[in-house]
Amino acid sequence: MEPQEIIQLRQNLGWSLASFGKYFGVTAQAVLKWERGTATPNDFAMAAMIQLRNRLDQAIKEKQKQEFINGLKRALITGGIIALLTYLFNNEE
């Protein structure tokens, strides 16, 4: 993903730099570097962002954006990053 795509994804989710970073196990400063193009996400974060973007696009088309975002938050809060990734990659609602 290009820096502008990362910015757009984060803004579409309505998340701060810190909130977005939490989902990928990085700091707000790291996200800012991704968005400025001065650093590149690791392969794991990149794959997760691509999947997140695709799932969010699908949810928007189906008018289920808020439900999708709430599911992401629940997964992270209740089970951490592994639960979030399981939700993201396996939940094909």
PDB file of N, CA and C in Angstrom:
ATOM      1  N   MET A   1       0.846  -1.178   0.000  1.00  0.00           N
ATOM      2  CA  MET A   1       0.000   0.000   0.000  1.00  0.00           C
ATOM      3  C   MET A   1       0.890   1.239   0.000  1.00  0.00           C
ATOM      4  N   GLU A   2       0.444   2.212  -0.728  1.00  0.00           N
ATOM      5  CA  GLU A   2       1.149   3.487  -0.783  1.00  0.00           C
ATOM      6  C   GLU A   2       0.782   4.323   0.453  1.00  0.00           C
ATOM      7  N   PRO A   3       1.636   5.292   0.816  1.00  0.00           N
ATOM      8  CA  PRO A   3       1.334   6.120   1.990  1.00  0.00           C
ATOM      9  C   PRO A   3      -0.065   6.741   1.964  1.00  0.00           C
ATOM     10  N   GLN A   4      -0.485   7.244   0.829  1.00  0.00           N
ATOM     11  CA  GLN A   4      -1.808   7.870   0.746  1.00  0.00           C
ATOM     12  C   GLN A   4      -2.924   6.849   1.002  1.00  0.00           C
ATOM     13  N   GLU A   5      -2.713   5.610   0.602  1.00  0.00           N
ATOM     14  CA  GLU A   5      -3.713   4.568   0.842  1.00  0.00           C
ATOM     15  C   GLU A   5      -3.815   4.247   2.335  1.00  0.00           C
ATOM     16  N   ILE A   6      -2.681   4.299   3.022  1.00  0.00           N
ATOM     17  CA  ILE A   6      -2.684   4.059   4.466  1.00  0.00           C
ATOM     18  C   ILE A   6      -3.445   5.178   5.168  1.00  0.00           C
ATOM     19  N   ILE A   7      -3.186   6.412   4.761  1.00  0.00           N
ATOM     20  CA  ILE A   7      -3.908   7.558   5.326  1.00  0.00           C
ATOM     21  C   ILE A   7      -5.405   7.392   5.096  1.00  0.00           C
ATOM     22  N   GLN A   8      -5.772   7.060   3.879  1.00  0.00           N
ATOM     23  CA  GLN A   8      -7.189   6.917   3.535  1.00  0.00           C
ATOM     24  C   GLN A   8      -7.843   5.807   4.350  1.00  0.00           C
ATOM     25  N   LEU A   9      -7.158   4.681   4.505  1.00  0.00           N
ATOM     26  CA  LEU A   9      -7.702   3.578   5.292  1.00  0.00           C
ATOM     27  C   LEU A   9      -7.936   4.023   6.732  1.00  0.00           C
ATOM     28  N   ARG A  10      -6.935   4.635   7.332  1.00  0.00           N
ATOM     29  CA  ARG A  10      -7.063   5.083   8.718  1.00  0.00           C
ATOM     30  C   ARG A  10      -8.203   6.088   8.870  1.00  0.00           C
ATOM     31  N   GLN A  11      -8.291   7.022   7.949  1.00  0.00           N
ATOM     32  CA  GLN A  11      -9.356   8.029   8.022  1.00  0.00           C
ATOM     33  C   GLN A  11     -10.731   7.419   7.790  1.00  0.00           C
ATOM     34  N   ASN A  12     -10.833   6.460   6.883  1.00  0.00           N
ATOM     35  CA  ASN A  12     -12.119   5.787   6.649  1.00  0.00           C
ATOM     36  C   ASN A  12     -12.594   5.043   7.890  1.00  0.00           C
ATOM     37  N   LEU A  13     -11.648   4.543   8.668  1.00  0.00           N
ATOM     38  CA  LEU A  13     -11.995   3.864   9.909  1.00  0.00           C
ATOM     39  C   LEU A  13     -12.324   4.856  11.019  1.00  0.00           C
ATOM     40  N   GLY A  14     -11.884   6.104  10.844  1.00  0.00           N
ATOM     41  CA  GLY A  14     -12.119   7.117  11.864  1.00  0.00           C
ATOM     42  C   GLY A  14     -11.198   6.977  13.060  1.00  0.00           C
ATOM     43  N   TRP A  15     -10.011   6.420  12.838  1.00  0.00           N
ATOM     44  CA  TRP A  15      -9.081   6.154  13.927  1.00  0.00           C
ATOM     45  C   TRP A  15      -7.958   7.174  13.963  1.00  0.00           C
ATOM     46  N   SER A  16      -7.472   7.442  15.162  1.00  0.00           N
ATOM     47  CA  SER A  16      -6.293   8.286  15.348  1.00  0.00           C
ATOM     48  C   SER A  16      -5.048   7.488  14.955  1.00  0.00           C
ATOM     49  N   LEU A  17      -3.926   8.175  14.876  1.00  0.00           N
ATOM     50  CA  LEU A  17      -2.659   7.487  14.605  1.00  0.00           C
ATOM     51  C   LEU A  17      -2.398   6.422  15.665  1.00  0.00           C
ATOM     52  N   ALA A  18      -2.635   6.769  16.928  1.00  0.00           N
ATOM     53  CA  ALA A  18      -2.388   5.831  18.025  1.00  0.00           C
ATOM     54  C   ALA A  18      -3.314   4.620  17.958  1.00  0.00           C
ATOM     55  N   SER A  19      -4.592   4.853  17.685  1.00  0.00           N
ATOM     56  CA  SER A  19      -5.546   3.739  17.593  1.00  0.00           C
ATOM     57  C   SER A  19      -5.187   2.813  16.445  1.00  0.00           C
ATOM     58  N   PHE A  20      -4.845   3.383  15.307  1.00  0.00           N
ATOM     59  CA  PHE A  20      -4.467   2.578  14.148  1.00  0.00           C
ATOM     60  C   PHE A  20      -3.219   1.764  14.467  1.00  0.00           C
ATOM     61  N   GLY A  21      -2.243   2.413  15.087  1.00  0.00           N
ATOM     62  CA  GLY A  21      -1.009   1.724  15.445  1.00  0.00           C
ATOM     63  C   GLY A  21      -1.236   0.563  16.389  1.00  0.00           C
ATOM     64  N   LYS A  22      -2.183   0.730  17.313  1.00  0.00           N
ATOM     65  CA  LYS A  22      -2.475  -0.325  18.277  1.00  0.00           C
ATOM     66  C   LYS A  22      -2.880  -1.618  17.569  1.00  0.00           C
ATOM     67  N   TYR A  23      -3.601  -1.502  16.477  1.00  0.00           N
ATOM     68  CA  TYR A  23      -4.063  -2.681  15.743  1.00  0.00           C
ATOM     69  C   TYR A  23      -2.928  -3.426  15.056  1.00  0.00           C
ATOM     70  N   PHE A  24      -1.810  -2.744  14.880  1.00  0.00           N
ATOM     71  CA  PHE A  24      -0.669  -3.377  14.221  1.00  0.00           C
ATOM     72  C   PHE A  24       0.520  -3.532  15.158  1.00  0.00           C
ATOM     73  N   GLY A  25       0.312  -3.220  16.423  1.00  0.00           N
ATOM     74  CA  GLY A  25       1.360  -3.380  17.416  1.00  0.00           C
ATOM     75  C   GLY A  25       2.502  -2.394  17.267  1.00  0.00           C
ATOM     76  N   VAL A  26       2.190  -1.192  16.761  1.00  0.00           N
ATOM     77  CA  VAL A  26       3.217  -0.165  16.587  1.00  0.00           C
ATOM     78  C   VAL A  26       2.741   1.143  17.214  1.00  0.00           C
ATOM     79  N   THR A  27       3.646   2.090  17.309  1.00  0.00           N
ATOM     80  CA  THR A  27       3.325   3.392  17.884  1.00  0.00           C
ATOM     81  C   THR A  27       2.677   4.308  16.853  1.00  0.00           C
ATOM     82  N   ALA A  28       2.103   5.398  17.358  1.00  0.00           N
ATOM     83  CA  ALA A  28       1.552   6.427  16.471  1.00  0.00           C
ATOM     84  C   ALA A  28       2.655   6.993  15.586  1.00  0.00           C
ATOM     85  N   GLN A  29       3.858   7.121  16.134  1.00  0.00           N
ATOM     86  CA  GLN A  29       4.992   7.643  15.365  1.00  0.00           C
ATOM     87  C   GLN A  29       5.310   6.730  14.180  1.00  0.00           C
ATOM     88  N   ALA A  30       5.228   5.423  14.376  1.00  0.00           N
ATOM     89  CA  ALA A  30       5.483   4.483  13.279  1.00  0.00           C
ATOM     90  C   ALA A  30       4.435   4.646  12.182  1.00  0.00           C
ATOM     91  N   VAL A  31       3.179   4.793  12.572  1.00  0.00           N
ATOM     92  CA  VAL A  31       2.109   4.991  11.586  1.00  0.00           C
ATOM     93  C   VAL A  31       2.346   6.285  10.820  1.00  0.00           C
ATOM     94  N   LEU A  32       2.732   7.328  11.521  1.00  0.00           N
ATOM     95  CA  LEU A  32       3.015   8.605  10.867  1.00  0.00           C
ATOM     96  C   LEU A  32       4.133   8.446   9.833  1.00  0.00           C
ATOM     97  N   LYS A  33       5.136   7.664  10.163  1.00  0.00           N
ATOM     98  CA  LYS A  33       6.226   7.411   9.208  1.00  0.00           C
ATOM     99  C   LYS A  33       5.714   6.648   7.994  1.00  0.00           C
ATOM    100  N   TRP A  34       4.811   5.689   8.203  1.00  0.00           N
ATOM    101  CA  TRP A  34       4.219   4.972   7.064  1.00  0.00           C
ATOM    102  C   TRP A  34       3.482   5.953   6.173  1.00  0.00           C
ATOM    103  N   GLU A  35       2.706   6.832   6.808  1.00  0.00           N
ATOM    104  CA  GLU A  35       1.881   7.780   6.054  1.00  0.00           C
ATOM    105  C   GLU A  35       2.718   8.825   5.326  1.00  0.00           C
ATOM    106  N   ARG A  36       3.881   9.119   5.851  1.00  0.00           N
ATOM    107  CA  ARG A  36       4.781  10.076   5.192  1.00  0.00           C
ATOM    108  C   ARG A  36       5.687   9.411   4.167  1.00  0.00           C
ATOM    109  N   GLY A  37       5.714   8.086   4.182  1.00  0.00           N
ATOM    110  CA  GLY A  37       6.558   7.359   3.247  1.00  0.00           C
ATOM    111  C   GLY A  37       8.009   7.273   3.669  1.00  0.00           C
ATOM    112  N   THR A  38       8.307   7.584   4.934  1.00  0.00           N
ATOM    113  CA  THR A  38       9.685   7.507   5.416  1.00  0.00           C
ATOM    114  C   THR A  38      10.008   6.153   6.026  1.00  0.00           C
ATOM    115  N   ALA A  39       9.002   5.318   6.196  1.00  0.00           N
ATOM    116  CA  ALA A  39       9.176   3.942   6.659  1.00  0.00           C
ATOM    117  C   ALA A  39       8.101   3.100   5.989  1.00  0.00           C
ATOM    118  N   THR A  40       8.364   1.822   5.918  1.00  0.00           N
ATOM    119  CA  THR A  40       7.431   0.894   5.274  1.00  0.00           C
ATOM    120  C   THR A  40       6.955  -0.129   6.301  1.00  0.00           C
ATOM    121  N   PRO A  41       5.659  -0.421   6.330  1.00  0.00           N
ATOM    122  CA  PRO A  41       5.170  -1.462   7.242  1.00  0.00           C
ATOM    123  C   PRO A  41       5.824  -2.803   6.914  1.00  0.00           C
ATOM    124  N   ASN A  42       5.985  -3.644   7.940  1.00  0.00           N
ATOM    125  CA  ASN A  42       6.515  -4.980   7.670  1.00  0.00           C
ATOM    126  C   ASN A  42       5.484  -5.780   6.873  1.00  0.00           C
ATOM    127  N   ASP A  43       5.904  -6.924   6.373  1.00  0.00           N
ATOM    128  CA  ASP A  43       5.024  -7.732   5.518  1.00  0.00           C
ATOM    129  C   ASP A  43       3.728  -8.118   6.223  1.00  0.00           C
ATOM    130  N   PHE A  44       3.831  -8.436   7.497  1.00  0.00           N
ATOM    131  CA  PHE A  44       2.658  -8.809   8.280  1.00  0.00           C
ATOM    132  C   PHE A  44       1.654  -7.657   8.332  1.00  0.00           C
ATOM    133  N   ALA A  45       2.129  -6.462   8.691  1.00  0.00           N
ATOM    134  CA  ALA A  45       1.246  -5.296   8.781  1.00  0.00           C
ATOM    135  C   ALA A  45       0.674  -4.945   7.417  1.00  0.00           C
ATOM    136  N   MET A  46       1.491  -5.055   6.384  1.00  0.00           N
ATOM    137  CA  MET A  46       1.032  -4.729   5.032  1.00  0.00           C
ATOM    138  C   MET A  46      -0.096  -5.671   4.606  1.00  0.00           C
ATOM    139  N   ALA A  47       0.097  -6.964   4.832  1.00  0.00           N
ATOM    140  CA  ALA A  47      -0.941  -7.939   4.468  1.00  0.00           C
ATOM    141  C   ALA A  47      -2.225  -7.683   5.251  1.00  0.00           C
ATOM    142  N   ALA A  48      -2.081  -7.367   6.529  1.00  0.00           N
ATOM    143  CA  ALA A  48      -3.257  -7.095   7.353  1.00  0.00           C
ATOM    144  C   ALA A  48      -3.970  -5.828   6.889  1.00  0.00           C
ATOM    145  N   MET A  49      -3.207  -4.799   6.511  1.00  0.00           N
ATOM    146  CA  MET A  49      -3.827  -3.559   6.027  1.00  0.00           C
ATOM    147  C   MET A  49      -4.572  -3.783   4.716  1.00  0.00           C
ATOM    148  N   ILE A  50      -3.994  -4.565   3.838  1.00  0.00           N
ATOM    149  CA  ILE A  50      -4.661  -4.855   2.565  1.00  0.00           C
ATOM    150  C   ILE A  50      -5.971  -5.596   2.821  1.00  0.00           C
ATOM    151  N   GLN A  51      -5.925  -6.593   3.698  1.00  0.00           N
ATOM    152  CA  GLN A  51      -7.140  -7.338   4.032  1.00  0.00           C
ATOM    153  C   GLN A  51      -8.158  -6.422   4.706  1.00  0.00           C
ATOM    154  N   LEU A  52      -7.680  -5.577   5.607  1.00  0.00           N
ATOM    155  CA  LEU A  52      -8.564  -4.639   6.293  1.00  0.00           C
ATOM    156  C   LEU A  52      -9.230  -3.699   5.299  1.00  0.00           C
ATOM    157  N   ARG A  53      -8.458  -3.177   4.364  1.00  0.00           N
ATOM    158  CA  ARG A  53      -9.020  -2.279   3.344  1.00  0.00           C
ATOM    159  C   ARG A  53     -10.074  -3.002   2.509  1.00  0.00           C
ATOM    160  N   ASN A  54      -9.777  -4.220   2.096  1.00  0.00           N
ATOM    161  CA  ASN A  54     -10.724  -4.979   1.273  1.00  0.00           C
ATOM    162  C   ASN A  54     -12.015  -5.275   2.028  1.00  0.00           C
ATOM    163  N   ARG A  55     -11.878  -5.675   3.284  1.00  0.00           N
ATOM    164  CA  ARG A  55     -13.065  -5.978   4.093  1.00  0.00           C
ATOM    165  C   ARG A  55     -13.866  -4.718   4.390  1.00  0.00           C
ATOM    166  N   LEU A  56     -13.180  -3.594   4.635  1.00  0.00           N
ATOM    167  CA  LEU A  56     -13.874  -2.337   4.885  1.00  0.00           C
ATOM    168  C   LEU A  56     -14.616  -1.886   3.636  1.00  0.00           C
ATOM    169  N   ASP A  57     -13.978  -1.992   2.478  1.00  0.00           N
ATOM    170  CA  ASP A  57     -14.644  -1.635   1.220  1.00  0.00           C
ATOM    171  C   ASP A  57     -15.910  -2.460   1.030  1.00  0.00           C
ATOM    172  N   GLN A  58     -15.819  -3.752   1.332  1.00  0.00           N
ATOM    173  CA  GLN A  58     -16.982  -4.640   1.215  1.00  0.00           C
ATOM    174  C   GLN A  58     -18.075  -4.206   2.191  1.00  0.00           C
ATOM    175  N   ALA A  59     -17.689  -3.894   3.416  1.00  0.00           N
ATOM    176  CA  ALA A  59     -18.668  -3.472   4.422  1.00  0.00           C
ATOM    177  C   ALA A  59     -19.343  -2.166   4.022  1.00  0.00           C
ATOM    178  N   ILE A  60     -18.582  -1.247   3.443  1.00  0.00           N
ATOM    179  CA  ILE A  60     -19.157   0.025   2.996  1.00  0.00           C
ATOM    180  C   ILE A  60     -20.178  -0.223   1.893  1.00  0.00           C
ATOM    181  N   LYS A  61     -19.837  -1.094   0.943  1.00  0.00           N
ATOM    182  CA  LYS A  61     -20.767  -1.411  -0.148  1.00  0.00           C
ATOM    183  C   LYS A  61     -22.047  -2.034   0.384  1.00  0.00           C
ATOM    184  N   GLU A  62     -21.902  -2.819   1.439  1.00  0.00           N
ATOM    185  CA  GLU A  62     -23.064  -3.493   2.022  1.00  0.00           C
ATOM    186  C   GLU A  62     -23.717  -2.659   3.124  1.00  0.00           C
ATOM    187  N   LYS A  63     -23.271  -1.416   3.267  1.00  0.00           N
ATOM    188  CA  LYS A  63     -23.799  -0.492   4.273  1.00  0.00           C
ATOM    189  C   LYS A  63     -23.682  -1.063   5.683  1.00  0.00           C
ATOM    190  N   GLN A  64     -22.565  -1.735   5.943  1.00  0.00           N
ATOM    191  CA  GLN A  64     -22.329  -2.330   7.255  1.00  0.00           C
ATOM    192  C   GLN A  64     -21.003  -1.862   7.844  1.00  0.00           C
ATOM    193  N   LYS A  65     -20.589  -0.654   7.494  1.00  0.00           N
ATOM    194  CA  LYS A  65     -19.289  -0.144   7.942  1.00  0.00           C
ATOM    195  C   LYS A  65     -19.173  -0.142   9.466  1.00  0.00           C
ATOM    196  N   GLN A  66     -20.146   0.420  10.157  1.00  0.00           N
ATOM    197  CA  GLN A  66     -20.031   0.536  11.612  1.00  0.00           C
ATOM    198  C   GLN A  66     -20.019  -0.827  12.283  1.00  0.00           C
ATOM    199  N   GLU A  67     -20.818  -1.760  11.788  1.00  0.00           N
ATOM    200  CA  GLU A  67     -20.825  -3.104  12.357  1.00  0.00           C
ATOM    201  C   GLU A  67     -19.461  -3.759  12.197  1.00  0.00           C
ATOM    202  N   PHE A  68     -18.821  -3.557  11.042  1.00  0.00           N
ATOM    203  CA  PHE A  68     -17.501  -4.121  10.793  1.00  0.00           C
ATOM    204  C   PHE A  68     -16.475  -3.526  11.751  1.00  0.00           C
ATOM    205  N   ILE A  69     -16.485  -2.208  11.900  1.00  0.00           N
ATOM    206  CA  ILE A  69     -15.536  -1.543  12.794  1.00  0.00           C
ATOM    207  C   ILE A  69     -15.755  -1.994  14.237  1.00  0.00           C
ATOM    208  N   ASN A  70     -17.006  -2.114  14.647  1.00  0.00           N
ATOM    209  CA  ASN A  70     -17.298  -2.586  16.002  1.00  0.00           C
ATOM    210  C   ASN A  70     -16.784  -4.009  16.206  1.00  0.00           C
ATOM    211  N   GLY A  71     -16.901  -4.859  15.193  1.00  0.00           N
ATOM    212  CA  GLY A  71     -16.375  -6.219  15.280  1.00  0.00           C
ATOM    213  C   GLY A  71     -14.866  -6.232  15.442  1.00  0.00           C
ATOM    214  N   LEU A  72     -14.181  -5.351  14.735  1.00  0.00           N
ATOM    215  CA  LEU A  72     -12.726  -5.241  14.882  1.00  0.00           C
ATOM    216  C   LEU A  72     -12.363  -4.860  16.312  1.00  0.00           C
ATOM    217  N   LYS A  73     -13.063  -3.880  16.854  1.00  0.00           N
ATOM    218  CA  LYS A  73     -12.779  -3.418  18.212  1.00  0.00           C
ATOM    219  C   LYS A  73     -13.036  -4.521  19.229  1.00  0.00           C
ATOM    220  N   ARG A  74     -14.162  -5.222  19.082  1.00  0.00           N
ATOM    221  CA  ARG A  74     -14.478  -6.317  20.010  1.00  0.00           C
ATOM    222  C   ARG A  74     -13.417  -7.404  19.950  1.00  0.00           C
ATOM    223  N   ALA A  75     -12.984  -7.752  18.751  1.00  0.00           N
ATOM    224  CA  ALA A  75     -11.985  -8.805  18.601  1.00  0.00           C
ATOM    225  C   ALA A  75     -10.688  -8.422  19.295  1.00  0.00           C
ATOM    226  N   LEU A  76     -10.251  -7.196  19.125  1.00  0.00           N
ATOM    227  CA  LEU A  76      -8.995  -6.762  19.738  1.00  0.00           C
ATOM    228  C   LEU A  76      -9.119  -6.683  21.253  1.00  0.00           C
ATOM    229  N   ILE A  77     -10.226  -6.148  21.738  1.00  0.00           N
ATOM    230  CA  ILE A  77     -10.409  -5.986  23.183  1.00  0.00           C
ATOM    231  C   ILE A  77     -10.520  -7.336  23.875  1.00  0.00           C
ATOM    232  N   THR A  78     -11.272  -8.252  23.301  1.00  0.00           N
ATOM    233  CA  THR A  78     -11.518  -9.524  23.981  1.00  0.00           C
ATOM    234  C   THR A  78     -10.408 -10.543  23.805  1.00  0.00           C
ATOM    235  N   GLY A  79      -9.679 -10.479  22.711  1.00  0.00           N
ATOM    236  CA  GLY A  79      -8.692 -11.525  22.490  1.00  0.00           C
ATOM    237  C   GLY A  79      -7.342 -11.065  22.001  1.00  0.00           C
ATOM    238  N   GLY A  80      -7.135  -9.783  21.869  1.00  0.00           N
ATOM    239  CA  GLY A  80      -5.840  -9.286  21.433  1.00  0.00           C
ATOM    240  C   GLY A  80      -5.649  -9.385  19.935  1.00  0.00           C
ATOM    241  N   ILE A  81      -4.417  -9.236  19.530  1.00  0.00           N
ATOM    242  CA  ILE A  81      -4.078  -9.152  18.114  1.00  0.00           C
ATOM    243  C   ILE A  81      -4.406 -10.444  17.359  1.00  0.00           C
ATOM    244  N   ILE A  82      -4.239 -11.596  17.996  1.00  0.00           N
ATOM    245  CA  ILE A  82      -4.541 -12.871  17.320  1.00  0.00           C
ATOM    246  C   ILE A  82      -6.031 -12.955  17.016  1.00  0.00           C
ATOM    247  N   ALA A  83      -6.864 -12.567  17.968  1.00  0.00           N
ATOM    248  CA  ALA A  83      -8.311 -12.576  17.733  1.00  0.00           C
ATOM    249  C   ALA A  83      -8.688 -11.596  16.638  1.00  0.00           C
ATOM    250  N   LEU A  84      -8.031 -10.436  16.624  1.00  0.00           N
ATOM    251  CA  LEU A  84      -8.297  -9.450  15.578  1.00  0.00           C
ATOM    252  C   LEU A  84      -7.975 -10.026  14.208  1.00  0.00           C
ATOM    253  N   LEU A  85      -6.828 -10.648  14.081  1.00  0.00           N
ATOM    254  CA  LEU A  85      -6.435 -11.209  12.788  1.00  0.00           C
ATOM    255  C   LEU A  85      -7.347 -12.355  12.378  1.00  0.00           C
ATOM    256  N   THR A  86      -7.745 -13.165  13.339  1.00  0.00           N
ATOM    257  CA  THR A  86      -8.682 -14.245  13.036  1.00  0.00           C
ATOM    258  C   THR A  86      -9.988 -13.667  12.517  1.00  0.00           C
ATOM    259  N   TYR A  87     -10.485 -12.630  13.174  1.00  0.00           N
ATOM    260  CA  TYR A  87     -11.711 -11.969  12.729  1.00  0.00           C
ATOM    261  C   TYR A  87     -11.533 -11.397  11.332  1.00  0.00           C
ATOM    262  N   LEU A  88     -10.427 -10.742  11.122  1.00  0.00           N
ATOM    263  CA  LEU A  88     -10.177 -10.055   9.864  1.00  0.00           C
ATOM    264  C   LEU A  88     -10.037 -11.024   8.697  1.00  0.00           C
ATOM    265  N   PHE A  89      -9.317 -12.112   8.902  1.00  0.00           N
ATOM    266  CA  PHE A  89      -9.035 -13.023   7.801  1.00  0.00           C
ATOM    267  C   PHE A  89     -10.047 -14.153   7.649  1.00  0.00           C
ATOM    268  N   ASN A  90     -10.824 -14.451   8.683  1.00  0.00           N
ATOM    269  CA  ASN A  90     -11.738 -15.589   8.597  1.00  0.00           C
ATOM    270  C   ASN A  90     -13.206 -15.235   8.647  1.00  0.00           C
ATOM    271  N   ASN A  91     -13.543 -14.042   9.053  1.00  0.00           N
ATOM    272  CA  ASN A  91     -14.946 -13.669   9.227  1.00  0.00           C
ATOM    273  C   ASN A  91     -15.476 -13.109   7.917  1.00  0.00           C
ATOM    274  N   GLU A  92     -16.077 -13.928   7.130  1.00  0.00           N
ATOM    275  CA  GLU A  92     -16.595 -13.528   5.811  1.00  0.00           C
ATOM    276  C   GLU A  92     -18.096 -13.336   5.869  1.00  0.00           C
ATOM    277  N   GLU A  93     -18.538 -12.474   6.793  1.00  0.00           N
ATOM    278  CA  GLU A  93     -19.981 -12.248   6.972  1.00  0.00           C
ATOM    279  C   GLU A  93     -20.623 -11.753   5.712  1.00  0.00           C
TER     280      GLU A  93
END
